[in-house]
Amino acid sequence: MPTTTLTPTKARSNLSGLLIRALKGEEIGILVQGKVVVLRPVTVTATDYVATEYGLAPGEWKAASKKLHAKGKKARESGKAKRFTGNIEDAL
């Protein structure tokens, strides 16, 4: 299947449609400064999310996770933690 190449202006006018076509496997290219940037779906893993969202390396995330779990356990044991019922007002 050939790549469809567009200018940013053309791509912007129908971005949602282009993204759907890319999800279906079509290669959509956007020509920017003489180079083609291709739209295609990617799989994002939890480590990608943590690194991108929080700037933590996998080893740092493990340490932060342990610390958060310990803090949560301590709050539950001391009775300071509240069970979330689905109503945010109850949690406040």
PDB file of N, CA and C in Angstrom:
ATOM      1  N   MET A   1       0.845  -1.169   0.000  1.00  0.00           N
ATOM      2  CA  MET A   1       0.000   0.000   0.000  1.00  0.00           C
ATOM      3  C   MET A   1       0.903   1.248   0.000  1.00  0.00           C
ATOM      4  N   PRO A   2       0.718   2.150  -0.948  1.00  0.00           N
ATOM      5  CA  PRO A   2       1.560   3.342  -1.001  1.00  0.00           C
ATOM      6  C   PRO A   2       1.240   4.325   0.126  1.00  0.00           C
ATOM      7  N   THR A   3       2.240   5.151   0.442  1.00  0.00           N
ATOM      8  CA  THR A   3       2.062   6.169   1.472  1.00  0.00           C
ATOM      9  C   THR A   3       1.359   7.378   0.879  1.00  0.00           C
ATOM     10  N   THR A   4       0.346   7.875   1.565  1.00  0.00           N
ATOM     11  CA  THR A   4      -0.306   9.123   1.193  1.00  0.00           C
ATOM     12  C   THR A   4       0.469  10.237   1.880  1.00  0.00           C
ATOM     13  N   THR A   5       0.967  11.193   1.099  1.00  0.00           N
ATOM     14  CA  THR A   5       1.759  12.281   1.665  1.00  0.00           C
ATOM     15  C   THR A   5       1.015  13.597   1.489  1.00  0.00           C
ATOM     16  N   LEU A   6       0.922  14.356   2.577  1.00  0.00           N
ATOM     17  CA  LEU A   6       0.207  15.623   2.556  1.00  0.00           C
ATOM     18  C   LEU A   6       1.031  16.730   3.191  1.00  0.00           C
ATOM     19  N   THR A   7       0.623  17.951   2.949  1.00  0.00           N
ATOM     20  CA  THR A   7       1.221  19.090   3.645  1.00  0.00           C
ATOM     21  C   THR A   7       0.556  19.192   5.017  1.00  0.00           C
ATOM     22  N   PRO A   8       1.181  19.878   5.968  1.00  0.00           N
ATOM     23  CA  PRO A   8       0.541  20.058   7.273  1.00  0.00           C
ATOM     24  C   PRO A   8      -0.829  20.730   7.178  1.00  0.00           C
ATOM     25  N   THR A   9      -0.979  21.679   6.264  1.00  0.00           N
ATOM     26  CA  THR A   9      -2.265  22.373   6.099  1.00  0.00           C
ATOM     27  C   THR A   9      -3.348  21.398   5.666  1.00  0.00           C
ATOM     28  N   LYS A  10      -3.048  20.554   4.674  1.00  0.00           N
ATOM     29  CA  LYS A  10      -4.024  19.553   4.214  1.00  0.00           C
ATOM     30  C   LYS A  10      -4.325  18.542   5.319  1.00  0.00           C
ATOM     31  N   ALA A  11      -3.290  18.107   6.033  1.00  0.00           N
ATOM     32  CA  ALA A  11      -3.472  17.124   7.100  1.00  0.00           C
ATOM     33  C   ALA A  11      -4.337  17.696   8.213  1.00  0.00           C
ATOM     34  N   ARG A  12      -4.125  18.949   8.557  1.00  0.00           N
ATOM     35  CA  ARG A  12      -4.869  19.599   9.636  1.00  0.00           C
ATOM     36  C   ARG A  12      -6.364  19.654   9.327  1.00  0.00           C
ATOM     37  N   SER A  13      -6.699  19.809   8.055  1.00  0.00           N
ATOM     38  CA  SER A  13      -8.112  19.952   7.687  1.00  0.00           C
ATOM     39  C   SER A  13      -8.910  18.668   7.884  1.00  0.00           C
ATOM     40  N   ASN A  14      -8.237  17.524   7.941  1.00  0.00           N
ATOM     41  CA  ASN A  14      -8.949  16.259   8.135  1.00  0.00           C
ATOM     42  C   ASN A  14      -8.138  15.327   9.021  1.00  0.00           C
ATOM     43  N   LEU A  15      -7.605  15.849  10.117  1.00  0.00           N
ATOM     44  CA  LEU A  15      -6.721  15.053  10.978  1.00  0.00           C
ATOM     45  C   LEU A  15      -7.419  13.820  11.539  1.00  0.00           C
ATOM     46  N   SER A  16      -8.650  13.962  12.006  1.00  0.00           N
ATOM     47  CA  SER A  16      -9.366  12.808  12.569  1.00  0.00           C
ATOM     48  C   SER A  16      -9.493  11.685  11.549  1.00  0.00           C
ATOM     49  N   GLY A  17      -9.843  12.026  10.335  1.00  0.00           N
ATOM     50  CA  GLY A  17      -9.976  11.020   9.280  1.00  0.00           C
ATOM     51  C   GLY A  17      -8.647  10.355   8.967  1.00  0.00           C
ATOM     52  N   LEU A  18      -7.583  11.154   8.948  1.00  0.00           N
ATOM     53  CA  LEU A  18      -6.252  10.598   8.679  1.00  0.00           C
ATOM     54  C   LEU A  18      -5.812   9.653   9.789  1.00  0.00           C
ATOM     55  N   LEU A  19      -6.099  10.011  11.027  1.00  0.00           N
ATOM     56  CA  LEU A  19      -5.738   9.142  12.148  1.00  0.00           C
ATOM     57  C   LEU A  19      -6.488   7.820  12.081  1.00  0.00           C
ATOM     58  N   ILE A  20      -7.745   7.854  11.701  1.00  0.00           N
ATOM     59  CA  ILE A  20      -8.530   6.613  11.566  1.00  0.00           C
ATOM     60  C   ILE A  20      -7.953   5.755  10.450  1.00  0.00           C
ATOM     61  N   ARG A  21      -7.587   6.388   9.330  1.00  0.00           N
ATOM     62  CA  ARG A  21      -6.974   5.638   8.223  1.00  0.00           C
ATOM     63  C   ARG A  21      -5.655   5.007   8.665  1.00  0.00           C
ATOM     64  N   ALA A  22      -4.866   5.741   9.454  1.00  0.00           N
ATOM     65  CA  ALA A  22      -3.596   5.205   9.955  1.00  0.00           C
ATOM     66  C   ALA A  22      -3.842   4.021  10.882  1.00  0.00           C
ATOM     67  N   LEU A  23      -4.878   4.116  11.721  1.00  0.00           N
ATOM     68  CA  LEU A  23      -5.224   2.986  12.599  1.00  0.00           C
ATOM     69  C   LEU A  23      -5.587   1.739  11.810  1.00  0.00           C
ATOM     70  N   LYS A  24      -6.143   1.934  10.626  1.00  0.00           N
ATOM     71  CA  LYS A  24      -6.538   0.805   9.774  1.00  0.00           C
ATOM     72  C   LYS A  24      -5.361   0.252   8.977  1.00  0.00           C
ATOM     73  N   GLY A  25      -4.156   0.853   9.157  1.00  0.00           N
ATOM     74  CA  GLY A  25      -2.974   0.312   8.501  1.00  0.00           C
ATOM     75  C   GLY A  25      -2.437   1.126   7.346  1.00  0.00           C
ATOM     76  N   GLU A  26      -3.140   2.164   6.940  1.00  0.00           N
ATOM     77  CA  GLU A  26      -2.644   2.980   5.834  1.00  0.00           C
ATOM     78  C   GLU A  26      -1.515   3.880   6.335  1.00  0.00           C
ATOM     79  N   GLU A  27      -0.461   4.004   5.524  1.00  0.00           N
ATOM     80  CA  GLU A  27       0.632   4.896   5.900  1.00  0.00           C
ATOM     81  C   GLU A  27       0.294   6.302   5.422  1.00  0.00           C
ATOM     82  N   ILE A  28       0.238   7.216   6.356  1.00  0.00           N
ATOM     83  CA  ILE A  28      -0.064   8.614   6.075  1.00  0.00           C
ATOM     84  C   ILE A  28       1.183   9.413   6.415  1.00  0.00           C
ATOM     85  N   GLY A  29       1.716  10.139   5.439  1.00  0.00           N
ATOM     86  CA  GLY A  29       2.905  10.946   5.660  1.00  0.00           C
ATOM     87  C   GLY A  29       2.578  12.425   5.598  1.00  0.00           C
ATOM     88  N   ILE A  30       3.236  13.199   6.449  1.00  0.00           N
ATOM     89  CA  ILE A  30       3.081  14.647   6.438  1.00  0.00           C
ATOM     90  C   ILE A  30       4.464  15.228   6.167  1.00  0.00           C
ATOM     91  N   LEU A  31       4.567  16.038   5.109  1.00  0.00           N
ATOM     92  CA  LEU A  31       5.838  16.615   4.696  1.00  0.00           C
ATOM     93  C   LEU A  31       6.126  17.871   5.508  1.00  0.00           C
ATOM     94  N   VAL A  32       7.183  17.805   6.344  1.00  0.00           N
ATOM     95  CA  VAL A  32       7.559  18.920   7.212  1.00  0.00           C
ATOM     96  C   VAL A  32       9.041  19.219   6.987  1.00  0.00           C
ATOM     97  N   GLN A  33       9.346  20.431   6.585  1.00  0.00           N
ATOM     98  CA  GLN A  33      10.729  20.873   6.354  1.00  0.00           C
ATOM     99  C   GLN A  33      11.506  19.889   5.478  1.00  0.00           C
ATOM    100  N   GLY A  34      10.856  19.413   4.442  1.00  0.00           N
ATOM    101  CA  GLY A  34      11.516  18.527   3.489  1.00  0.00           C
ATOM    102  C   GLY A  34      11.626  17.077   3.911  1.00  0.00           C
ATOM    103  N   LYS A  35      11.069  16.725   5.065  1.00  0.00           N
ATOM    104  CA  LYS A  35      11.099  15.337   5.539  1.00  0.00           C
ATOM    105  C   LYS A  35       9.679  14.853   5.761  1.00  0.00           C
ATOM    106  N   VAL A  36       9.479  13.548   5.589  1.00  0.00           N
ATOM    107  CA  VAL A  36       8.159  12.955   5.784  1.00  0.00           C
ATOM    108  C   VAL A  36       8.058  12.367   7.190  1.00  0.00           C
ATOM    109  N   VAL A  37       7.027  12.780   7.913  1.00  0.00           N
ATOM    110  CA  VAL A  37       6.712  12.226   9.236  1.00  0.00           C
ATOM    111  C   VAL A  37       5.496  11.336   9.028  1.00  0.00           C
ATOM    112  N   VAL A  38       5.615  10.056   9.386  1.00  0.00           N
ATOM    113  CA  VAL A  38       4.548   9.096   9.119  1.00  0.00           C
ATOM    114  C   VAL A  38       3.704   8.856  10.366  1.00  0.00           C
ATOM    115  N   LEU A  39       2.380   8.841  10.175  1.00  0.00           N
ATOM    116  CA  LEU A  39       1.452   8.515  11.258  1.00  0.00           C
ATOM    117  C   LEU A  39       1.256   7.007  11.275  1.00  0.00           C
ATOM    118  N   ARG A  40       1.475   6.409  12.420  1.00  0.00           N
ATOM    119  CA  ARG A  40       1.155   4.983  12.559  1.00  0.00           C
ATOM    120  C   ARG A  40       0.951   4.693  14.042  1.00  0.00           C
ATOM    121  N   PRO A  41       0.079   3.737  14.338  1.00  0.00           N
ATOM    122  CA  PRO A  41      -0.181   3.409  15.744  1.00  0.00           C
ATOM    123  C   PRO A  41       1.032   2.765  16.397  1.00  0.00           C
ATOM    124  N   VAL A  42       1.208   3.024  17.680  1.00  0.00           N
ATOM    125  CA  VAL A  42       2.276   2.399  18.460  1.00  0.00           C
ATOM    126  C   VAL A  42       1.673   1.867  19.755  1.00  0.00           C
ATOM    127  N   THR A  43       2.344   0.906  20.346  1.00  0.00           N
ATOM    128  CA  THR A  43       1.933   0.368  21.626  1.00  0.00           C
ATOM    129  C   THR A  43       2.704   1.099  22.718  1.00  0.00           C
ATOM    130  N   VAL A  44       1.999   1.607  23.691  1.00  0.00           N
ATOM    131  CA  VAL A  44       2.631   2.298  24.803  1.00  0.00           C
ATOM    132  C   VAL A  44       2.581   1.381  26.013  1.00  0.00           C
ATOM    133  N   THR A  45       3.738   1.163  26.627  1.00  0.00           N
ATOM    134  CA  THR A  45       3.789   0.311  27.809  1.00  0.00           C
ATOM    135  C   THR A  45       3.820   1.176  29.062  1.00  0.00           C
ATOM    136  N   ALA A  46       3.608   0.559  30.190  1.00  0.00           N
ATOM    137  CA  ALA A  46       3.589   1.291  31.455  1.00  0.00           C
ATOM    138  C   ALA A  46       4.900   2.022  31.701  1.00  0.00           C
ATOM    139  N   THR A  47       6.033   1.429  31.345  1.00  0.00           N
ATOM    140  CA  THR A  47       7.310   2.098  31.573  1.00  0.00           C
ATOM    141  C   THR A  47       7.436   3.326  30.689  1.00  0.00           C
ATOM    142  N   ASP A  48       6.892   3.271  29.467  1.00  0.00           N
ATOM    143  CA  ASP A  48       6.893   4.457  28.606  1.00  0.00           C
ATOM    144  C   ASP A  48       6.097   5.561  29.276  1.00  0.00           C
ATOM    145  N   TYR A  49       4.948   5.209  29.824  1.00  0.00           N
ATOM    146  CA  TYR A  49       4.075   6.199  30.445  1.00  0.00           C
ATOM    147  C   TYR A  49       4.769   6.840  31.642  1.00  0.00           C
ATOM    148  N   VAL A  50       5.344   6.044  32.487  1.00  0.00           N
ATOM    149  CA  VAL A  50       6.005   6.565  33.693  1.00  0.00           C
ATOM    150  C   VAL A  50       7.173   7.464  33.305  1.00  0.00           C
ATOM    151  N   ALA A  51       7.953   7.050  32.325  1.00  0.00           N
ATOM    152  CA  ALA A  51       9.096   7.851  31.904  1.00  0.00           C
ATOM    153  C   ALA A  51       8.636   9.172  31.305  1.00  0.00           C
ATOM    154  N   THR A  52       7.604   9.123  30.481  1.00  0.00           N
ATOM    155  CA  THR A  52       7.115  10.333  29.832  1.00  0.00           C
ATOM    156  C   THR A  52       6.383  11.234  30.800  1.00  0.00           C
ATOM    157  N   GLU A  53       5.487  10.679  31.566  1.00  0.00           N
ATOM    158  CA  GLU A  53       4.628  11.481  32.445  1.00  0.00           C
ATOM    159  C   GLU A  53       5.361  12.011  33.670  1.00  0.00           C
ATOM    160  N   TYR A  54       6.211  11.183  34.264  1.00  0.00           N
ATOM    161  CA  TYR A  54       6.850  11.562  35.526  1.00  0.00           C
ATOM    162  C   TYR A  54       8.363  11.716  35.436  1.00  0.00           C
ATOM    163  N   GLY A  55       8.958  11.364  34.296  1.00  0.00           N
ATOM    164  CA  GLY A  55      10.400  11.482  34.133  1.00  0.00           C
ATOM    165  C   GLY A  55      11.191  10.497  34.977  1.00  0.00           C
ATOM    166  N   LEU A  56      10.588   9.351  35.295  1.00  0.00           N
ATOM    167  CA  LEU A  56      11.258   8.352  36.124  1.00  0.00           C
ATOM    168  C   LEU A  56      11.772   7.194  35.272  1.00  0.00           C
ATOM    169  N   ALA A  57      12.983   6.765  35.554  1.00  0.00           N
ATOM    170  CA  ALA A  57      13.528   5.562  34.921  1.00  0.00           C
ATOM    171  C   ALA A  57      12.893   4.347  35.596  1.00  0.00           C
ATOM    172  N   PRO A  58      12.908   3.163  34.950  1.00  0.00           N
ATOM    173  CA  PRO A  58      12.291   1.980  35.560  1.00  0.00           C
ATOM    174  C   PRO A  58      12.753   1.701  36.985  1.00  0.00           C
ATOM    175  N   GLY A  59      14.041   1.838  37.282  1.00  0.00           N
ATOM    176  CA  GLY A  59      14.539   1.607  38.650  1.00  0.00           C
ATOM    177  C   GLY A  59      13.982   2.627  39.634  1.00  0.00           C
ATOM    178  N   GLU A  60      13.872   3.875  39.187  1.00  0.00           N
ATOM    179  CA  GLU A  60      13.321   4.927  40.046  1.00  0.00           C
ATOM    180  C   GLU A  60      11.838   4.688  40.311  1.00  0.00           C
ATOM    181  N   TRP A  61      11.120   4.198  39.285  1.00  0.00           N
ATOM    182  CA  TRP A  61       9.692   3.929  39.448  1.00  0.00           C
ATOM    183  C   TRP A  61       9.459   2.831  40.479  1.00  0.00           C
ATOM    184  N   LYS A  62      10.302   1.806  40.459  1.00  0.00           N
ATOM    185  CA  LYS A  62      10.151   0.711  41.422  1.00  0.00           C
ATOM    186  C   LYS A  62      10.317   1.232  42.848  1.00  0.00           C
ATOM    187  N   ALA A  63      11.301   2.093  43.066  1.00  0.00           N
ATOM    188  CA  ALA A  63      11.533   2.660  44.401  1.00  0.00           C
ATOM    189  C   ALA A  63      10.366   3.553  44.818  1.00  0.00           C
ATOM    190  N   ALA A  64       9.873   4.381  43.884  1.00  0.00           N
ATOM    191  CA  ALA A  64       8.737   5.264  44.182  1.00  0.00           C
ATOM    192  C   ALA A  64       7.479   4.444  44.473  1.00  0.00           C
ATOM    193  N   SER A  65       7.289   3.366  43.725  1.00  0.00           N
ATOM    194  CA  SER A  65       6.134   2.496  43.925  1.00  0.00           C
ATOM    195  C   SER A  65       6.164   1.852  45.308  1.00  0.00           C
ATOM    196  N   LYS A  66       7.329   1.350  45.703  1.00  0.00           N
ATOM    197  CA  LYS A  66       7.477   0.736  47.033  1.00  0.00           C
ATOM    198  C   LYS A  66       7.142   1.744  48.133  1.00  0.00           C
ATOM    199  N   LYS A  67       7.661   2.959  47.970  1.00  0.00           N
ATOM    200  CA  LYS A  67       7.445   4.009  48.958  1.00  0.00           C
ATOM    201  C   LYS A  67       5.948   4.360  49.061  1.00  0.00           C
ATOM    202  N   LEU A  68       5.279   4.475  47.911  1.00  0.00           N
ATOM    203  CA  LEU A  68       3.845   4.795  47.905  1.00  0.00           C
ATOM    204  C   LEU A  68       3.013   3.680  48.531  1.00  0.00           C
ATOM    205  N   HIS A  69       3.365   2.432  48.229  1.00  0.00           N
ATOM    206  CA  HIS A  69       2.640   1.296  48.813  1.00  0.00           C
ATOM    207  C   HIS A  69       2.819   1.267  50.333  1.00  0.00           C
ATOM    208  N   ALA A  70       4.042   1.536  50.796  1.00  0.00           N
ATOM    209  CA  ALA A  70       4.300   1.558  52.239  1.00  0.00           C
ATOM    210  C   ALA A  70       3.514   2.681  52.906  1.00  0.00           C
ATOM    211  N   LYS A  71       3.461   3.835  52.252  1.00  0.00           N
ATOM    212  CA  LYS A  71       2.709   4.972  52.795  1.00  0.00           C
ATOM    213  C   LYS A  71       1.212   4.642  52.867  1.00  0.00           C
ATOM    214  N   GLY A  72       0.693   3.987  51.829  1.00  0.00           N
ATOM    215  CA  GLY A  72      -0.711   3.584  51.816  1.00  0.00           C
ATOM    216  C   GLY A  72      -1.022   2.563  52.899  1.00  0.00           C
ATOM    217  N   LYS A  73      -0.131   1.601  53.071  1.00  0.00           N
ATOM    218  CA  LYS A  73      -0.309   0.574  54.113  1.00  0.00           C
ATOM    219  C   LYS A  73      -0.335   1.214  55.495  1.00  0.00           C
ATOM    220  N   LYS A  74       0.583   2.161  55.725  1.00  0.00           N
ATOM    221  CA  LYS A  74       0.639   2.850  57.011  1.00  0.00           C
ATOM    222  C   LYS A  74      -0.651   3.641  57.268  1.00  0.00           C
ATOM    223  N   ALA A  75      -1.161   4.303  56.228  1.00  0.00           N
ATOM    224  CA  ALA A  75      -2.407   5.070  56.367  1.00  0.00           C
ATOM    225  C   ALA A  75      -3.589   4.150  56.674  1.00  0.00           C
ATOM    226  N   ARG A  76      -3.632   2.972  56.028  1.00  0.00           N
ATOM    227  CA  ARG A  76      -4.718   2.018  56.305  1.00  0.00           C
ATOM    228  C   ARG A  76      -4.632   1.491  57.725  1.00  0.00           C
ATOM    229  N   GLU A  77      -3.421   1.135  58.148  1.00  0.00           N
ATOM    230  CA  GLU A  77      -3.230   0.570  59.487  1.00  0.00           C
ATOM    231  C   GLU A  77      -3.534   1.590  60.587  1.00  0.00           C
ATOM    232  N   SER A  78      -3.285   2.859  60.331  1.00  0.00           N
ATOM    233  CA  SER A  78      -3.539   3.887  61.344  1.00  0.00           C
ATOM    234  C   SER A  78      -4.978   4.397  61.302  1.00  0.00           C
ATOM    235  N   GLY A  79      -5.756   3.912  60.320  1.00  0.00           N
ATOM    236  CA  GLY A  79      -7.150   4.340  60.210  1.00  0.00           C
ATOM    237  C   GLY A  79      -7.320   5.686  59.510  1.00  0.00           C
ATOM    238  N   LYS A  80      -6.254   6.239  58.955  1.00  0.00           N
ATOM    239  CA  LYS A  80      -6.331   7.533  58.286  1.00  0.00           C
ATOM    240  C   LYS A  80      -6.798   7.423  56.832  1.00  0.00           C
ATOM    241  N   ALA A  81      -6.715   6.239  56.258  1.00  0.00           N
ATOM    242  CA  ALA A  81      -7.151   6.057  54.877  1.00  0.00           C
ATOM    243  C   ALA A  81      -8.662   5.888  54.836  1.00  0.00           C
ATOM    244  N   LYS A  82      -9.278   6.478  53.812  1.00  0.00           N
ATOM    245  CA  LYS A  82     -10.720   6.341  53.635  1.00  0.00           C
ATOM    246  C   LYS A  82     -10.976   5.483  52.404  1.00  0.00           C
ATOM    247  N   ARG A  83     -11.995   4.642  52.478  1.00  0.00           N
ATOM    248  CA  ARG A  83     -12.376   3.822  51.328  1.00  0.00           C
ATOM    249  C   ARG A  83     -13.155   4.693  50.351  1.00  0.00           C
ATOM    250  N   PHE A  84     -12.770   4.639  49.075  1.00  0.00           N
ATOM    251  CA  PHE A  84     -13.466   5.422  48.060  1.00  0.00           C
ATOM    252  C   PHE A  84     -14.723   4.682  47.635  1.00  0.00           C
ATOM    253  N   THR A  85     -15.871   5.339  47.775  1.00  0.00           N
ATOM    254  CA  THR A  85     -17.172   4.728  47.485  1.00  0.00           C
ATOM    255  C   THR A  85     -17.674   5.072  46.091  1.00  0.00           C
ATOM    256  N   GLY A  86     -16.925   5.912  45.382  1.00  0.00           N
ATOM    257  CA  GLY A  86     -17.382   6.368  44.073  1.00  0.00           C
ATOM    258  C   GLY A  86     -17.929   7.781  44.147  1.00  0.00           C
ATOM    259  N   ASN A  87     -18.145   8.288  45.345  1.00  0.00           N
ATOM    260  CA  ASN A  87     -18.645   9.641  45.527  1.00  0.00           C
ATOM    261  C   ASN A  87     -17.488  10.496  46.068  1.00  0.00           C
ATOM    262  N   ILE A  88     -17.035  11.428  45.244  1.00  0.00           N
ATOM    263  CA  ILE A  88     -15.892  12.248  45.635  1.00  0.00           C
ATOM    264  C   ILE A  88     -16.167  13.068  46.873  1.00  0.00           C
ATOM    265  N   GLU A  89     -17.412  13.458  47.093  1.00  0.00           N
ATOM    266  CA  GLU A  89     -17.772  14.235  48.285  1.00  0.00           C
ATOM    267  C   GLU A  89     -17.510  13.436  49.564  1.00  0.00           C
ATOM    268  N   ASP A  90     -17.742  12.121  49.511  1.00  0.00           N
ATOM    269  CA  ASP A  90     -17.488  11.273  50.696  1.00  0.00           C
ATOM    270  C   ASP A  90     -15.995  11.210  51.031  1.00  0.00           C
ATOM    271  N   ALA A  91     -15.153  11.343  50.013  1.00  0.00           N
ATOM    272  CA  ALA A  91     -13.718  11.217  50.211  1.00  0.00           C
ATOM    273  C   ALA A  91     -13.094  12.498  50.758  1.00  0.00           C
ATOM    274  N   LEU A  92     -13.809  13.607  50.645  1.00  0.00           N
ATOM    275  CA  LEU A  92     -13.228  14.884  51.081  1.00  0.00           C
ATOM    276  C   LEU A  92     -13.403  15.145  52.543  1.00  0.00           C
TER     277      LEU A  92
END
